[in-house]
């Protein structure tokens, strides 16, 4: 339960800036993996993400990006949160 609260704080902290940053995406990926490891299901993660969308905190494109990061982190796929963060920062520099 404590992890779910931490994830909510990460998500709502992300919402405070109005535009998702690379650090926030990395934190979302990390929190998603932690939730997975604690036994939470992907639909629970998606429910938390939906709260952002219903509050209109992010654009549709940003929500798609956030959901993609959460899905990648949850399913593993060989991409660690640090890799997600580094890839995002690399793209931002270009």
PDB file of N, CA and C in Angstrom:
ATOM      1  N   UNK A   1       0.824  -1.190   0.000  1.00  0.00           N
ATOM      2  CA  UNK A   1       0.000   0.000   0.000  1.00  0.00           C
ATOM      3  C   UNK A   1       0.871   1.257   0.000  1.00  0.00           C
ATOM      4  N   UNK A   2       1.958   1.227   0.790  1.00  0.00           N
ATOM      5  CA  UNK A   2       2.849   2.376   0.845  1.00  0.00           C
ATOM      6  C   UNK A   2       3.429   2.675  -0.529  1.00  0.00           C
ATOM      7  N   UNK A   3       3.722   1.625  -1.296  1.00  0.00           N
ATOM      8  CA  UNK A   3       4.266   1.816  -2.635  1.00  0.00           C
ATOM      9  C   UNK A   3       3.245   2.488  -3.551  1.00  0.00           C
ATOM     10  N   UNK A   4       1.991   2.136  -3.404  1.00  0.00           N
ATOM     11  CA  UNK A   4       0.940   2.753  -4.208  1.00  0.00           C
ATOM     12  C   UNK A   4       0.858   4.243  -3.914  1.00  0.00           C
ATOM     13  N   UNK A   5       1.004   4.618  -2.660  1.00  0.00           N
ATOM     14  CA  UNK A   5       1.005   6.031  -2.288  1.00  0.00           C
ATOM     15  C   UNK A   5       2.210   6.738  -2.899  1.00  0.00           C
ATOM     16  N   UNK A   6       3.374   6.105  -2.867  1.00  0.00           N
ATOM     17  CA  UNK A   6       4.576   6.689  -3.477  1.00  0.00           C
ATOM     18  C   UNK A   6       4.385   6.878  -4.979  1.00  0.00           C
ATOM     19  N   UNK A   7       3.773   5.886  -5.617  1.00  0.00           N
ATOM     20  CA  UNK A   7       3.529   5.998  -7.053  1.00  0.00           C
ATOM     21  C   UNK A   7       2.595   7.170  -7.330  1.00  0.00           C
ATOM     22  N   UNK A   8       1.571   7.307  -6.507  1.00  0.00           N
ATOM     23  CA  UNK A   8       0.634   8.415  -6.682  1.00  0.00           C
ATOM     24  C   UNK A   8       1.365   9.748  -6.545  1.00  0.00           C
ATOM     25  N   UNK A   9       2.287   9.846  -5.594  1.00  0.00           N
ATOM     26  CA  UNK A   9       3.054  11.078  -5.432  1.00  0.00           C
ATOM     27  C   UNK A   9       3.931  11.361  -6.646  1.00  0.00           C
ATOM     28  N   UNK A  10       4.529  10.331  -7.208  1.00  0.00           N
ATOM     29  CA  UNK A  10       5.330  10.504  -8.421  1.00  0.00           C
ATOM     30  C   UNK A  10       4.455  11.025  -9.550  1.00  0.00           C
ATOM     31  N   UNK A  11       3.298  10.405  -9.708  1.00  0.00           N
ATOM     32  CA  UNK A  11       2.379  10.801 -10.776  1.00  0.00           C
ATOM     33  C   UNK A  11       1.900  12.235 -10.562  1.00  0.00           C
ATOM     34  N   UNK A  12       1.462  12.559  -9.358  1.00  0.00           N
ATOM     35  CA  UNK A  12       0.953  13.902  -9.119  1.00  0.00           C
ATOM     36  C   UNK A  12       2.067  14.941  -9.114  1.00  0.00           C
ATOM     37  N   UNK A  13       3.252  14.542  -8.734  1.00  0.00           N
ATOM     38  CA  UNK A  13       4.398  15.432  -8.866  1.00  0.00           C
ATOM     39  C   UNK A  13       4.675  15.725 -10.329  1.00  0.00           C
ATOM     40  N   UNK A  14       4.504  14.710 -11.157  1.00  0.00           N
ATOM     41  CA  UNK A  14       4.671  14.896 -12.594  1.00  0.00           C
ATOM     42  C   UNK A  14       3.625  15.863 -13.122  1.00  0.00           C
ATOM     43  N   UNK A  15       2.430  15.785 -12.577  1.00  0.00           N
ATOM     44  CA  UNK A  15       1.347  16.638 -13.056  1.00  0.00           C
ATOM     45  C   UNK A  15       1.567  18.102 -12.711  1.00  0.00           C
ATOM     46  N   UNK A  16       2.326  18.367 -11.688  1.00  0.00           N
ATOM     47  CA  UNK A  16       2.508  19.739 -11.239  1.00  0.00           C
ATOM     48  C   UNK A  16       3.247  20.601 -12.261  1.00  0.00           C
ATOM     49  N   UNK A  17       3.998  20.001 -13.140  1.00  0.00           N
ATOM     50  CA  UNK A  17       4.815  20.794 -14.048  1.00  0.00           C
ATOM     51  C   UNK A  17       4.151  21.101 -15.383  1.00  0.00           C
ATOM     52  N   UNK A  18       3.019  20.501 -15.683  1.00  0.00           N
ATOM     53  CA  UNK A  18       2.256  20.739 -16.906  1.00  0.00           C
ATOM     54  C   UNK A  18       2.909  20.165 -18.165  1.00  0.00           C
ATOM     55  N   UNK A  19       4.170  19.859 -18.127  1.00  0.00           N
ATOM     56  CA  UNK A  19       4.817  19.176 -19.248  1.00  0.00           C
ATOM     57  C   UNK A  19       5.730  18.111 -18.657  1.00  0.00           C
ATOM     58  N   UNK A  20       5.561  16.905 -19.135  1.00  0.00           N
ATOM     59  CA  UNK A  20       6.318  15.794 -18.562  1.00  0.00           C
ATOM     60  C   UNK A  20       7.801  15.935 -18.906  1.00  0.00           C
ATOM     61  N   UNK A  21       8.647  15.716 -17.916  1.00  0.00           N
ATOM     62  CA  UNK A  21      10.090  15.819 -18.109  1.00  0.00           C
ATOM     63  C   UNK A  21      10.698  14.419 -18.149  1.00  0.00           C
ATOM     64  N   UNK A  22      11.945  14.371 -18.565  1.00  0.00           N
ATOM     65  CA  UNK A  22      12.661  13.092 -18.604  1.00  0.00           C
ATOM     66  C   UNK A  22      12.800  12.502 -17.207  1.00  0.00           C
ATOM     67  N   UNK A  23      13.086  13.332 -16.231  1.00  0.00           N
ATOM     68  CA  UNK A  23      13.211  12.844 -14.856  1.00  0.00           C
ATOM     69  C   UNK A  23      11.898  12.247 -14.366  1.00  0.00           C
ATOM     70  N   UNK A  24      10.799  12.884 -14.716  1.00  0.00           N
ATOM     71  CA  UNK A  24       9.497  12.366 -14.307  1.00  0.00           C
ATOM     72  C   UNK A  24       9.211  11.026 -14.989  1.00  0.00           C
ATOM     73  N   UNK A  25       9.567  10.921 -16.266  1.00  0.00           N
ATOM     74  CA  UNK A  25       9.371   9.646 -16.963  1.00  0.00           C
ATOM     75  C   UNK A  25      10.213   8.545 -16.329  1.00  0.00           C
ATOM     76  N   UNK A  26      11.443   8.869 -15.965  1.00  0.00           N
ATOM     77  CA  UNK A  26      12.294   7.894 -15.281  1.00  0.00           C
ATOM     78  C   UNK A  26      11.699   7.474 -13.950  1.00  0.00           C
ATOM     79  N   UNK A  27      11.163   8.439 -13.206  1.00  0.00           N
ATOM     80  CA  UNK A  27      10.536   8.134 -11.920  1.00  0.00           C
ATOM     81  C   UNK A  27       9.275   7.297 -12.093  1.00  0.00           C
ATOM     82  N   UNK A  28       8.510   7.588 -13.128  1.00  0.00           N
ATOM     83  CA  UNK A  28       7.312   6.795 -13.407  1.00  0.00           C
ATOM     84  C   UNK A  28       7.702   5.362 -13.746  1.00  0.00           C
ATOM     85  N   UNK A  29       8.747   5.198 -14.548  1.00  0.00           N
ATOM     86  CA  UNK A  29       9.216   3.852 -14.895  1.00  0.00           C
ATOM     87  C   UNK A  29       9.671   3.097 -13.646  1.00  0.00           C
ATOM     88  N   UNK A  30      10.403   3.774 -12.780  1.00  0.00           N
ATOM     89  CA  UNK A  30      10.892   3.145 -11.553  1.00  0.00           C
ATOM     90  C   UNK A  30       9.726   2.750 -10.642  1.00  0.00           C
ATOM     91  N   UNK A  31       8.791   3.670 -10.441  1.00  0.00           N
ATOM     92  CA  UNK A  31       7.642   3.380  -9.582  1.00  0.00           C
ATOM     93  C   UNK A  31       6.798   2.253 -10.163  1.00  0.00           C
ATOM     94  N   UNK A  32       6.675   2.219 -11.481  1.00  0.00           N
ATOM     95  CA  UNK A  32       5.908   1.150 -12.134  1.00  0.00           C
ATOM     96  C   UNK A  32       6.563  -0.207 -11.884  1.00  0.00           C
ATOM     97  N   UNK A  33       7.880  -0.273 -12.032  1.00  0.00           N
ATOM     98  CA  UNK A  33       8.576  -1.538 -11.773  1.00  0.00           C
ATOM     99  C   UNK A  33       8.449  -1.952 -10.317  1.00  0.00           C
ATOM    100  N   UNK A  34       8.519  -0.993  -9.429  1.00  0.00           N
ATOM    101  CA  UNK A  34       8.372  -1.294  -8.005  1.00  0.00           C
ATOM    102  C   UNK A  34       6.970  -1.851  -7.726  1.00  0.00           C
ATOM    103  N   UNK A  35       5.956  -1.236  -8.327  1.00  0.00           N
ATOM    104  CA  UNK A  35       4.584  -1.729  -8.137  1.00  0.00           C
ATOM    105  C   UNK A  35       4.458  -3.148  -8.670  1.00  0.00           C
ATOM    106  N   UNK A  36       5.024  -3.388  -9.841  1.00  0.00           N
ATOM    107  CA  UNK A  36       4.987  -4.734 -10.425  1.00  0.00           C
ATOM    108  C   UNK A  36       5.634  -5.738  -9.484  1.00  0.00           C
ATOM    109  N   UNK A  37       6.784  -5.387  -8.957  1.00  0.00           N
ATOM    110  CA  UNK A  37       7.524  -6.281  -8.069  1.00  0.00           C
ATOM    111  C   UNK A  37       6.788  -6.523  -6.748  1.00  0.00           C
ATOM    112  N   UNK A  38       5.945  -5.582  -6.363  1.00  0.00           N
ATOM    113  CA  UNK A  38       5.154  -5.736  -5.141  1.00  0.00           C
ATOM    114  C   UNK A  38       3.851  -6.496  -5.388  1.00  0.00           C
ATOM    115  N   UNK A  39       3.598  -6.856  -6.655  1.00  0.00           N
ATOM    116  CA  UNK A  39       2.426  -7.662  -6.968  1.00  0.00           C
ATOM    117  C   UNK A  39       1.231  -6.905  -7.520  1.00  0.00           C
ATOM    118  N   UNK A  40       1.386  -5.607  -7.762  1.00  0.00           N
ATOM    119  CA  UNK A  40       0.292  -4.850  -8.364  1.00  0.00           C
ATOM    120  C   UNK A  40       0.182  -5.209  -9.840  1.00  0.00           C
ATOM    121  N   UNK A  41      -1.022  -5.153 -10.361  1.00  0.00           N
ATOM    122  CA  UNK A  41      -1.251  -5.495 -11.765  1.00  0.00           C
ATOM    123  C   UNK A  41      -1.107  -4.247 -12.643  1.00  0.00           C
ATOM    124  N   UNK A  42      -0.929  -4.497 -13.926  1.00  0.00           N
ATOM    125  CA  UNK A  42      -0.835  -3.391 -14.881  1.00  0.00           C
ATOM    126  C   UNK A  42      -2.116  -2.555 -14.904  1.00  0.00           C
ATOM    127  N   UNK A  43      -3.307  -3.169 -14.799  1.00  0.00           N
ATOM    128  CA  UNK A  43      -4.519  -2.338 -14.734  1.00  0.00           C
ATOM    129  C   UNK A  43      -4.538  -1.364 -13.548  1.00  0.00           C
ATOM    130  N   UNK A  44      -3.940  -1.731 -12.430  1.00  0.00           N
ATOM    131  CA  UNK A  44      -3.861  -0.814 -11.284  1.00  0.00           C
ATOM    132  C   UNK A  44      -2.978   0.380 -11.650  1.00  0.00           C
ATOM    133  N   UNK A  45      -1.857   0.103 -12.307  1.00  0.00           N
ATOM    134  CA  UNK A  45      -0.976   1.186 -12.758  1.00  0.00           C
ATOM    135  C   UNK A  45      -1.733   2.084 -13.735  1.00  0.00           C
ATOM    136  N   UNK A  46      -2.440   1.480 -14.667  1.00  0.00           N
ATOM    137  CA  UNK A  46      -3.208   2.266 -15.646  1.00  0.00           C
ATOM    138  C   UNK A  46      -4.283   3.101 -14.970  1.00  0.00           C
ATOM    139  N   UNK A  47      -4.905   2.566 -13.919  1.00  0.00           N
ATOM    140  CA  UNK A  47      -5.911   3.337 -13.181  1.00  0.00           C
ATOM    141  C   UNK A  47      -5.304   4.605 -12.592  1.00  0.00           C
ATOM    142  N   UNK A  48      -4.107   4.477 -12.056  1.00  0.00           N
ATOM    143  CA  UNK A  48      -3.430   5.658 -11.505  1.00  0.00           C
ATOM    144  C   UNK A  48      -3.111   6.667 -12.602  1.00  0.00           C
ATOM    145  N   UNK A  49      -2.696   6.162 -13.747  1.00  0.00           N
ATOM    146  CA  UNK A  49      -2.390   7.056 -14.868  1.00  0.00           C
ATOM    147  C   UNK A  49      -3.649   7.743 -15.392  1.00  0.00           C
ATOM    148  N   UNK A  50      -4.763   7.033 -15.360  1.00  0.00           N
ATOM    149  CA  UNK A  50      -6.030   7.605 -15.841  1.00  0.00           C
ATOM    150  C   UNK A  50      -6.438   8.818 -15.014  1.00  0.00           C
ATOM    151  N   UNK A  51      -6.046   8.839 -13.747  1.00  0.00           N
ATOM    152  CA  UNK A  51      -6.374   9.987 -12.896  1.00  0.00           C
ATOM    153  C   UNK A  51      -5.747  11.264 -13.447  1.00  0.00           C
ATOM    154  N   UNK A  52      -4.571  11.140 -14.028  1.00  0.00           N
ATOM    155  CA  UNK A  52      -3.933  12.302 -14.652  1.00  0.00           C
ATOM    156  C   UNK A  52      -4.738  12.773 -15.854  1.00  0.00           C
ATOM    157  N   UNK A  53      -5.183  11.815 -16.636  1.00  0.00           N
ATOM    158  CA  UNK A  53      -5.914  12.159 -17.854  1.00  0.00           C
ATOM    159  C   UNK A  53      -7.254  12.801 -17.519  1.00  0.00           C
ATOM    160  N   UNK A  54      -7.942  12.275 -16.512  1.00  0.00           N
ATOM    161  CA  UNK A  54      -9.233  12.846 -16.150  1.00  0.00           C
ATOM    162  C   UNK A  54      -9.097  14.237 -15.569  1.00  0.00           C
ATOM    163  N   UNK A  55      -7.961  14.536 -14.973  1.00  0.00           N
ATOM    164  CA  UNK A  55      -7.730  15.872 -14.429  1.00  0.00           C
ATOM    165  C   UNK A  55      -7.142  16.824 -15.466  1.00  0.00           C
ATOM    166  N   UNK A  56      -6.992  16.343 -16.703  1.00  0.00           N
ATOM    167  CA  UNK A  56      -6.458  17.159 -17.802  1.00  0.00           C
ATOM    168  C   UNK A  56      -5.116  17.798 -17.454  1.00  0.00           C
ATOM    169  N   UNK A  57      -4.247  17.038 -16.809  1.00  0.00           N
ATOM    170  CA  UNK A  57      -2.935  17.563 -16.431  1.00  0.00           C
ATOM    171  C   UNK A  57      -1.951  17.529 -17.589  1.00  0.00           C
ATOM    172  N   UNK A  58      -2.141  16.602 -18.507  1.00  0.00           N
ATOM    173  CA  UNK A  58      -1.227  16.445 -19.625  1.00  0.00           C
ATOM    174  C   UNK A  58      -2.001  16.369 -20.924  1.00  0.00           C
ATOM    175  N   UNK A  59      -1.322  16.693 -22.004  1.00  0.00           N
ATOM    176  CA  UNK A  59      -1.934  16.565 -23.327  1.00  0.00           C
ATOM    177  C   UNK A  59      -2.081  15.085 -23.670  1.00  0.00           C
ATOM    178  N   UNK A  60      -2.855  14.816 -24.699  1.00  0.00           N
ATOM    179  CA  UNK A  60      -3.049  13.426 -25.138  1.00  0.00           C
ATOM    180  C   UNK A  60      -1.722  12.799 -25.555  1.00  0.00           C
ATOM    181  N   UNK A  61      -0.879  13.570 -26.227  1.00  0.00           N
ATOM    182  CA  UNK A  61       0.429  13.047 -26.663  1.00  0.00           C
ATOM    183  C   UNK A  61       1.306  12.720 -25.458  1.00  0.00           C
ATOM    184  N   UNK A  62       1.280  13.564 -24.443  1.00  0.00           N
ATOM    185  CA  UNK A  62       2.073  13.292 -23.241  1.00  0.00           C
ATOM    186  C   UNK A  62       1.548  12.071 -22.502  1.00  0.00           C
ATOM    187  N   UNK A  63       0.227  11.926 -22.440  1.00  0.00           N
ATOM    188  CA  UNK A  63      -0.352  10.755 -21.776  1.00  0.00           C
ATOM    189  C   UNK A  63       0.020   9.480 -22.517  1.00  0.00           C
ATOM    190  N   UNK A  64       0.055   9.528 -23.822  1.00  0.00           N
ATOM    191  CA  UNK A  64       0.474   8.360 -24.605  1.00  0.00           C
ATOM    192  C   UNK A  64       1.912   8.006 -24.266  1.00  0.00           C
ATOM    193  N   UNK A  65       2.757   9.011 -24.173  1.00  0.00           N
ATOM    194  CA  UNK A  65       4.170   8.783 -23.834  1.00  0.00           C
ATOM    195  C   UNK A  65       4.303   8.204 -22.423  1.00  0.00           C
ATOM    196  N   UNK A  66       3.570   8.753 -21.478  1.00  0.00           N
ATOM    197  CA  UNK A  66       3.604   8.268 -20.097  1.00  0.00           C
ATOM    198  C   UNK A  66       3.146   6.820 -20.023  1.00  0.00           C
ATOM    199  N   UNK A  67       2.060   6.500 -20.710  1.00  0.00           N
ATOM    200  CA  UNK A  67       1.533   5.130 -20.702  1.00  0.00           C
ATOM    201  C   UNK A  67       2.513   4.163 -21.368  1.00  0.00           C
ATOM    202  N   UNK A  68       3.148   4.596 -22.436  1.00  0.00           N
ATOM    203  CA  UNK A  68       4.140   3.748 -23.103  1.00  0.00           C
ATOM    204  C   UNK A  68       5.307   3.435 -22.163  1.00  0.00           C
ATOM    205  N   UNK A  69       5.768   4.448 -21.447  1.00  0.00           N
ATOM    206  CA  UNK A  69       6.872   4.249 -20.498  1.00  0.00           C
ATOM    207  C   UNK A  69       6.442   3.283 -19.394  1.00  0.00           C
ATOM    208  N   UNK A  70       5.247   3.471 -18.865  1.00  0.00           N
ATOM    209  CA  UNK A  70       4.756   2.579 -17.805  1.00  0.00           C
ATOM    210  C   UNK A  70       4.627   1.146 -18.318  1.00  0.00           C
ATOM    211  N   UNK A  71       4.097   0.991 -19.523  1.00  0.00           N
ATOM    212  CA  UNK A  71       3.950  -0.357 -20.096  1.00  0.00           C
ATOM    213  C   UNK A  71       5.317  -1.021 -20.288  1.00  0.00           C
ATOM    214  N   UNK A  72       6.279  -0.272 -20.821  1.00  0.00           N
ATOM    215  CA  UNK A  72       7.625  -0.816 -21.031  1.00  0.00           C
ATOM    216  C   UNK A  72       8.257  -1.215 -19.705  1.00  0.00           C
ATOM    217  N   UNK A  73       8.107  -0.369 -18.712  1.00  0.00           N
ATOM    218  CA  UNK A  73       8.696  -0.656 -17.403  1.00  0.00           C
ATOM    219  C   UNK A  73       8.023  -1.853 -16.746  1.00  0.00           C
ATOM    220  N   UNK A  74       6.716  -1.954 -16.888  1.00  0.00           N
ATOM    221  CA  UNK A  74       5.982  -3.045 -16.251  1.00  0.00           C
ATOM    222  C   UNK A  74       6.315  -4.386 -16.892  1.00  0.00           C
ATOM    223  N   UNK A  75       6.361  -4.389 -18.202  1.00  0.00           N
ATOM    224  CA  UNK A  75       6.573  -5.641 -18.940  1.00  0.00           C
ATOM    225  C   UNK A  75       8.041  -6.053 -18.997  1.00  0.00           C
ATOM    226  N   UNK A  76       8.904  -5.196 -18.515  1.00  0.00           N
ATOM    227  CA  UNK A  76      10.337  -5.531 -18.521  1.00  0.00           C
ATOM    228  C   UNK A  76      10.976  -5.156 -19.832  1.00  0.00           C
ATOM    229  N   UNK A  77      10.947  -6.023 -20.777  1.00  0.00           N
ATOM    230  CA  UNK A  77      11.468  -5.732 -22.103  1.00  0.00           C
ATOM    231  C   UNK A  77      12.934  -5.341 -22.131  1.00  0.00           C
ATOM    232  N   UNK A  78      13.642  -5.527 -21.040  1.00  0.00           N
ATOM    233  CA  UNK A  78      15.059  -5.223 -21.030  1.00  0.00           C
ATOM    234  C   UNK A  78      15.398  -3.761 -20.848  1.00  0.00           C
ATOM    235  N   UNK A  79      14.376  -2.912 -20.672  1.00  0.00           N
ATOM    236  CA  UNK A  79      14.644  -1.486 -20.497  1.00  0.00           C
ATOM    237  C   UNK A  79      14.432  -1.099 -19.044  1.00  0.00           C
ATOM    238  N   UNK A  80      15.504  -0.751 -18.399  1.00  0.00           N
ATOM    239  CA  UNK A  80      15.448  -0.305 -17.011  1.00  0.00           C
ATOM    240  C   UNK A  80      15.051   1.168 -16.964  1.00  0.00           C
ATOM    241  N   UNK A  81      14.536   1.630 -15.828  1.00  0.00           N
ATOM    242  CA  UNK A  81      14.190   3.050 -15.719  1.00  0.00           C
ATOM    243  C   UNK A  81      15.348   3.985 -16.074  1.00  0.00           C
ATOM    244  N   UNK A  82      16.559   3.599 -15.702  1.00  0.00           N
ATOM    245  CA  UNK A  82      17.714   4.437 -16.037  1.00  0.00           C
ATOM    246  C   UNK A  82      17.892   4.545 -17.548  1.00  0.00           C
ATOM    247  N   UNK A  83      17.674   3.446 -18.263  1.00  0.00           N
ATOM    248  CA  UNK A  83      17.775   3.476 -19.724  1.00  0.00           C
ATOM    249  C   UNK A  83      16.703   4.370 -20.331  1.00  0.00           C
ATOM    250  N   UNK A  84      15.506   4.315 -19.781  1.00  0.00           N
ATOM    251  CA  UNK A  84      14.416   5.162 -20.259  1.00  0.00           C
ATOM    252  C   UNK A  84      14.775   6.628 -20.040  1.00  0.00           C
ATOM    253  N   UNK A  85      15.308   6.944 -18.863  1.00  0.00           N
ATOM    254  CA  UNK A  85      15.712   8.309 -18.542  1.00  0.00           C
ATOM    255  C   UNK A  85      16.819   8.789 -19.477  1.00  0.00           C
ATOM    256  N   UNK A  86      17.845   7.972 -19.667  1.00  0.00           N
ATOM    257  CA  UNK A  86      18.964   8.361 -20.526  1.00  0.00           C
ATOM    258  C   UNK A  86      18.521   8.544 -21.974  1.00  0.00           C
ATOM    259  N   UNK A  87      17.659   7.662 -22.465  1.00  0.00           N
ATOM    260  CA  UNK A  87      17.172   7.787 -23.845  1.00  0.00           C
ATOM    261  C   UNK A  87      16.386   9.083 -24.016  1.00  0.00           C
ATOM    262  N   UNK A  88      15.559   9.400 -23.053  1.00  0.00           N
ATOM    263  CA  UNK A  88      14.770  10.631 -23.116  1.00  0.00           C
ATOM    264  C   UNK A  88      15.684  11.860 -23.141  1.00  0.00           C
ATOM    265  N   UNK A  89      16.674  11.872 -22.259  1.00  0.00           N
ATOM    266  CA  UNK A  89      17.587  13.019 -22.215  1.00  0.00           C
ATOM    267  C   UNK A  89      18.407  13.137 -23.487  1.00  0.00           C
ATOM    268  N   UNK A  90      18.758  12.003 -24.065  1.00  0.00           N
ATOM    269  CA  UNK A  90      19.494  12.004 -25.330  1.00  0.00           C
ATOM    270  C   UNK A  90      18.643  12.620 -26.449  1.00  0.00           C
ATOM    271  N   UNK A  91      17.395  12.246 -26.497  1.00  0.00           N
ATOM    272  CA  UNK A  91      16.483  12.805 -27.512  1.00  0.00           C
ATOM    273  C   UNK A  91      16.268  14.299 -27.295  1.00  0.00           C
ATOM    274  N   UNK A  92      16.222  14.714 -26.036  1.00  0.00           N
ATOM    275  CA  UNK A  92      16.003  16.123 -25.728  1.00  0.00           C
ATOM    276  C   UNK A  92      17.177  16.995 -26.170  1.00  0.00           C
ATOM    277  N   UNK A  93      18.368  16.432 -26.164  1.00  0.00           N
ATOM    278  CA  UNK A  93      19.566  17.199 -26.579  1.00  0.00           C
ATOM    279  C   UNK A  93      19.610  17.435 -28.072  1.00  0.00           C
ATOM    280  N   UNK A  94      18.961  16.592 -28.819  1.00  0.00           N
ATOM    281  CA  UNK A  94      19.028  16.715 -30.294  1.00  0.00           C
ATOM    282  C   UNK A  94      18.215  17.832 -30.825  1.00  0.00           C
TER     283      UNK A  94
END
